Amino acid sequence: MKFSKKTEYGLRFLLALAELSEGKFMGIYQISLRHSIPMKFLEAIAVALKKAGLLEVKKGAGGGYRLKFKPDEISLLMVFECLEDAYKRELDVTGDISSNQKAVALVLNETIAGVREVLSEQKLSDIQKQFKDLNESLMYYI
């Protein structure tokens, strides 16, 4: 299964925000530079995530973005539904369609439902934990 760059960048953006101290905001320009995400792309992602209710925005000095919920309250399904079209709807199995079309649609709907279940169980905090584990394994001491 293939996911768009929009979703990859969106998850990296949310992960960067999850690392902020409580109550802090971070500017989109800083995140773009720090995490090598194209600025225009990140702006569009931020708008979509804000519209979905996952982000808070503060304008002016000291402003930027922050998570509206704790990382363990944000499921990957919430993010995927916001950024990937394939997770928004099931294929239609009604109307005047052949049994061949209906059989394929039913199997694909079952697959989509399975993926949605897995994504609903995974939280942003799970990615955050993997990120921390990777960073700890890369540390070396002199």
Protein backbone atom coordinates (compact mmCIF):
# COMPACT_ATOMS: atom_id res chain seq x y z
CA MET A 1 0.00 0.00 0.00
CA LYS A 2 1.30 3.41 -0.92
CA PHE A 3 0.84 6.60 1.08
CA SER A 4 1.26 10.08 -0.29
CA LYS A 5 4.06 12.48 0.60
CA LYS A 6 1.33 14.67 2.09
CA THR A 7 0.66 12.04 4.74
CA GLU A 8 4.35 11.38 5.38
CA TYR A 9 5.04 15.09 5.81
CA GLY A 10 1.88 15.50 7.89
CA LEU A 11 2.99 12.82 10.33
CA ARG A 12 6.48 14.33 10.53
CA PHE A 13 4.92 17.74 11.18
CA LEU A 14 2.74 16.35 13.97
CA LEU A 15 5.70 14.49 15.44
CA ALA A 16 7.69 17.75 15.54
CA LEU A 17 4.80 19.43 17.35
CA ALA A 18 4.50 16.50 19.76
CA GLU A 19 8.09 17.15 20.87
CA LEU A 20 7.29 20.71 22.02
CA SER A 21 7.04 21.59 25.68
CA GLU A 22 3.49 21.91 26.97
CA GLY A 23 1.87 25.16 25.92
CA LYS A 24 4.55 26.05 23.38
CA PHE A 25 3.91 26.91 19.74
CA MET A 26 6.28 26.46 16.81
CA GLY A 27 6.33 28.39 13.55
CA ILE A 28 5.83 26.59 10.29
CA TYR A 29 9.03 28.08 8.87
CA GLN A 30 11.10 26.54 11.68
CA ILE A 31 9.51 23.14 11.15
CA SER A 32 10.00 23.36 7.40
CA LEU A 33 13.72 24.06 7.79
CA ARG A 34 14.38 21.68 10.67
CA HIS A 35 12.60 18.71 9.11
CA SER A 36 13.25 19.32 5.39
CA ILE A 37 9.59 19.68 4.44
CA PRO A 38 8.76 22.05 1.57
CA MET A 39 7.20 25.21 3.01
CA LYS A 40 4.24 25.51 0.60
CA PHE A 41 3.40 21.84 1.06
CA LEU A 42 3.60 22.19 4.84
CA GLU A 43 1.31 25.22 4.79
CA ALA A 44 -1.38 23.23 2.93
CA ILE A 45 -0.98 20.31 5.34
CA ALA A 46 -1.25 22.65 8.35
CA VAL A 47 -4.48 24.13 6.98
CA ALA A 48 -5.98 20.64 6.48
CA LEU A 49 -4.94 19.48 9.96
CA LYS A 50 -6.28 22.68 11.55
CA LYS A 51 -9.56 22.29 9.67
CA ALA A 52 -9.78 18.70 10.97
CA GLY A 53 -9.40 20.04 14.51
CA LEU A 54 -5.98 18.53 15.26
CA LEU A 55 -4.04 21.80 15.59
CA GLU A 56 -4.26 25.08 17.44
CA VAL A 57 -2.92 28.24 15.85
CA LYS A 58 -1.62 31.37 17.52
CA LYS A 59 -0.85 34.43 15.46
CA GLY A 60 1.80 37.01 16.19
CA ALA A 61 5.01 36.93 18.18
CA GLY A 62 5.57 33.58 19.88
CA GLY A 63 2.87 32.10 17.69
CA GLY A 64 2.71 29.16 15.38
CA TYR A 65 1.15 25.72 15.70
CA ARG A 66 0.71 23.18 18.44
CA LEU A 67 -1.24 19.99 18.90
CA LYS A 68 -4.79 20.38 20.13
CA PHE A 69 -4.67 16.94 21.79
CA LYS A 70 -2.04 14.83 23.50
CA PRO A 71 -0.11 12.47 21.19
CA ASP A 72 -1.82 9.42 22.72
CA GLU A 73 -5.20 10.93 21.78
CA ILE A 74 -4.39 11.37 18.08
CA SER A 75 -4.88 8.19 16.09
CA LEU A 76 -3.19 7.70 12.76
CA LEU A 77 -6.67 7.20 11.32
CA MET A 78 -7.53 10.80 12.25
CA VAL A 79 -4.49 11.98 10.28
CA PHE A 80 -5.02 9.64 7.33
CA GLU A 81 -8.69 10.61 7.02
CA CYS A 82 -7.62 14.23 6.89
CA LEU A 83 -4.80 13.80 4.35
CA GLU A 84 -5.57 10.66 2.28
CA ASP A 85 -8.70 10.46 0.13
CA ALA A 86 -8.78 6.63 0.06
CA TYR A 87 -9.70 6.42 3.74
CA LYS A 88 -12.73 8.69 3.57
CA ARG A 89 -15.18 6.38 1.87
CA GLU A 90 -16.00 2.84 0.91
CA LEU A 91 -16.68 1.76 -2.65
CA ASP A 92 -20.34 1.74 -3.65
CA VAL A 93 -21.81 -1.77 -4.00
CA THR A 94 -25.36 -0.70 -4.79
CA GLY A 95 -27.08 0.12 -8.03
CA ASP A 96 -26.71 -1.46 -11.43
CA ILE A 97 -23.27 -3.07 -11.22
CA SER A 98 -22.09 -6.49 -12.31
CA SER A 99 -21.41 -9.26 -9.82
CA ASN A 100 -17.74 -8.97 -10.83
CA GLN A 101 -17.68 -5.28 -9.83
CA LYS A 102 -19.60 -5.99 -6.64
CA ALA A 103 -17.25 -8.83 -5.60
CA VAL A 104 -14.18 -6.62 -6.13
CA ALA A 105 -15.78 -3.69 -4.29
CA LEU A 106 -16.72 -5.90 -1.33
CA VAL A 107 -13.16 -7.25 -1.02
CA LEU A 108 -11.66 -3.78 -1.30
CA ASN A 109 -14.12 -2.42 1.29
CA GLU A 110 -13.11 -5.23 3.64
CA THR A 111 -9.45 -4.35 3.10
CA ILE A 112 -10.09 -0.65 3.71
CA ALA A 113 -11.99 -1.51 6.91
CA GLY A 114 -9.03 -3.61 8.11
CA VAL A 115 -6.56 -0.82 7.41
CA ARG A 116 -8.84 1.69 9.16
CA GLU A 117 -8.92 -0.57 12.23
CA VAL A 118 -5.13 -0.81 12.38
CA LEU A 119 -4.76 2.95 11.91
CA SER A 120 -7.31 3.67 14.64
CA GLU A 121 -5.27 1.60 17.11
CA GLN A 122 -1.98 3.33 16.30
CA LYS A 123 -1.42 6.69 17.97
CA LEU A 124 0.96 9.55 17.35
CA SER A 125 2.55 8.62 20.69
CA ASP A 126 3.55 5.25 19.14
CA ILE A 127 5.56 7.07 16.47
CA GLN A 128 6.94 9.37 19.15
CA LYS A 129 8.15 6.35 21.11
CA GLN A 130 9.84 4.87 18.02
CA PHE A 131 11.48 8.24 17.37
CA LYS A 132 12.84 8.37 20.93
CA ASP A 133 14.02 4.75 20.75
CA LEU A 134 15.86 5.45 17.49
CA ASN A 135 17.51 8.54 18.92
CA GLU A 136 18.65 6.65 22.01
CA SER A 137 20.12 3.84 19.93
CA LEU A 138 22.05 6.37 17.82
CA MET A 139 23.63 8.14 20.79
CA TYR A 140 27.20 7.43 21.57
CA TYR A 141 29.33 8.51 24.44
CA ILE A 142 32.90 9.74 24.56
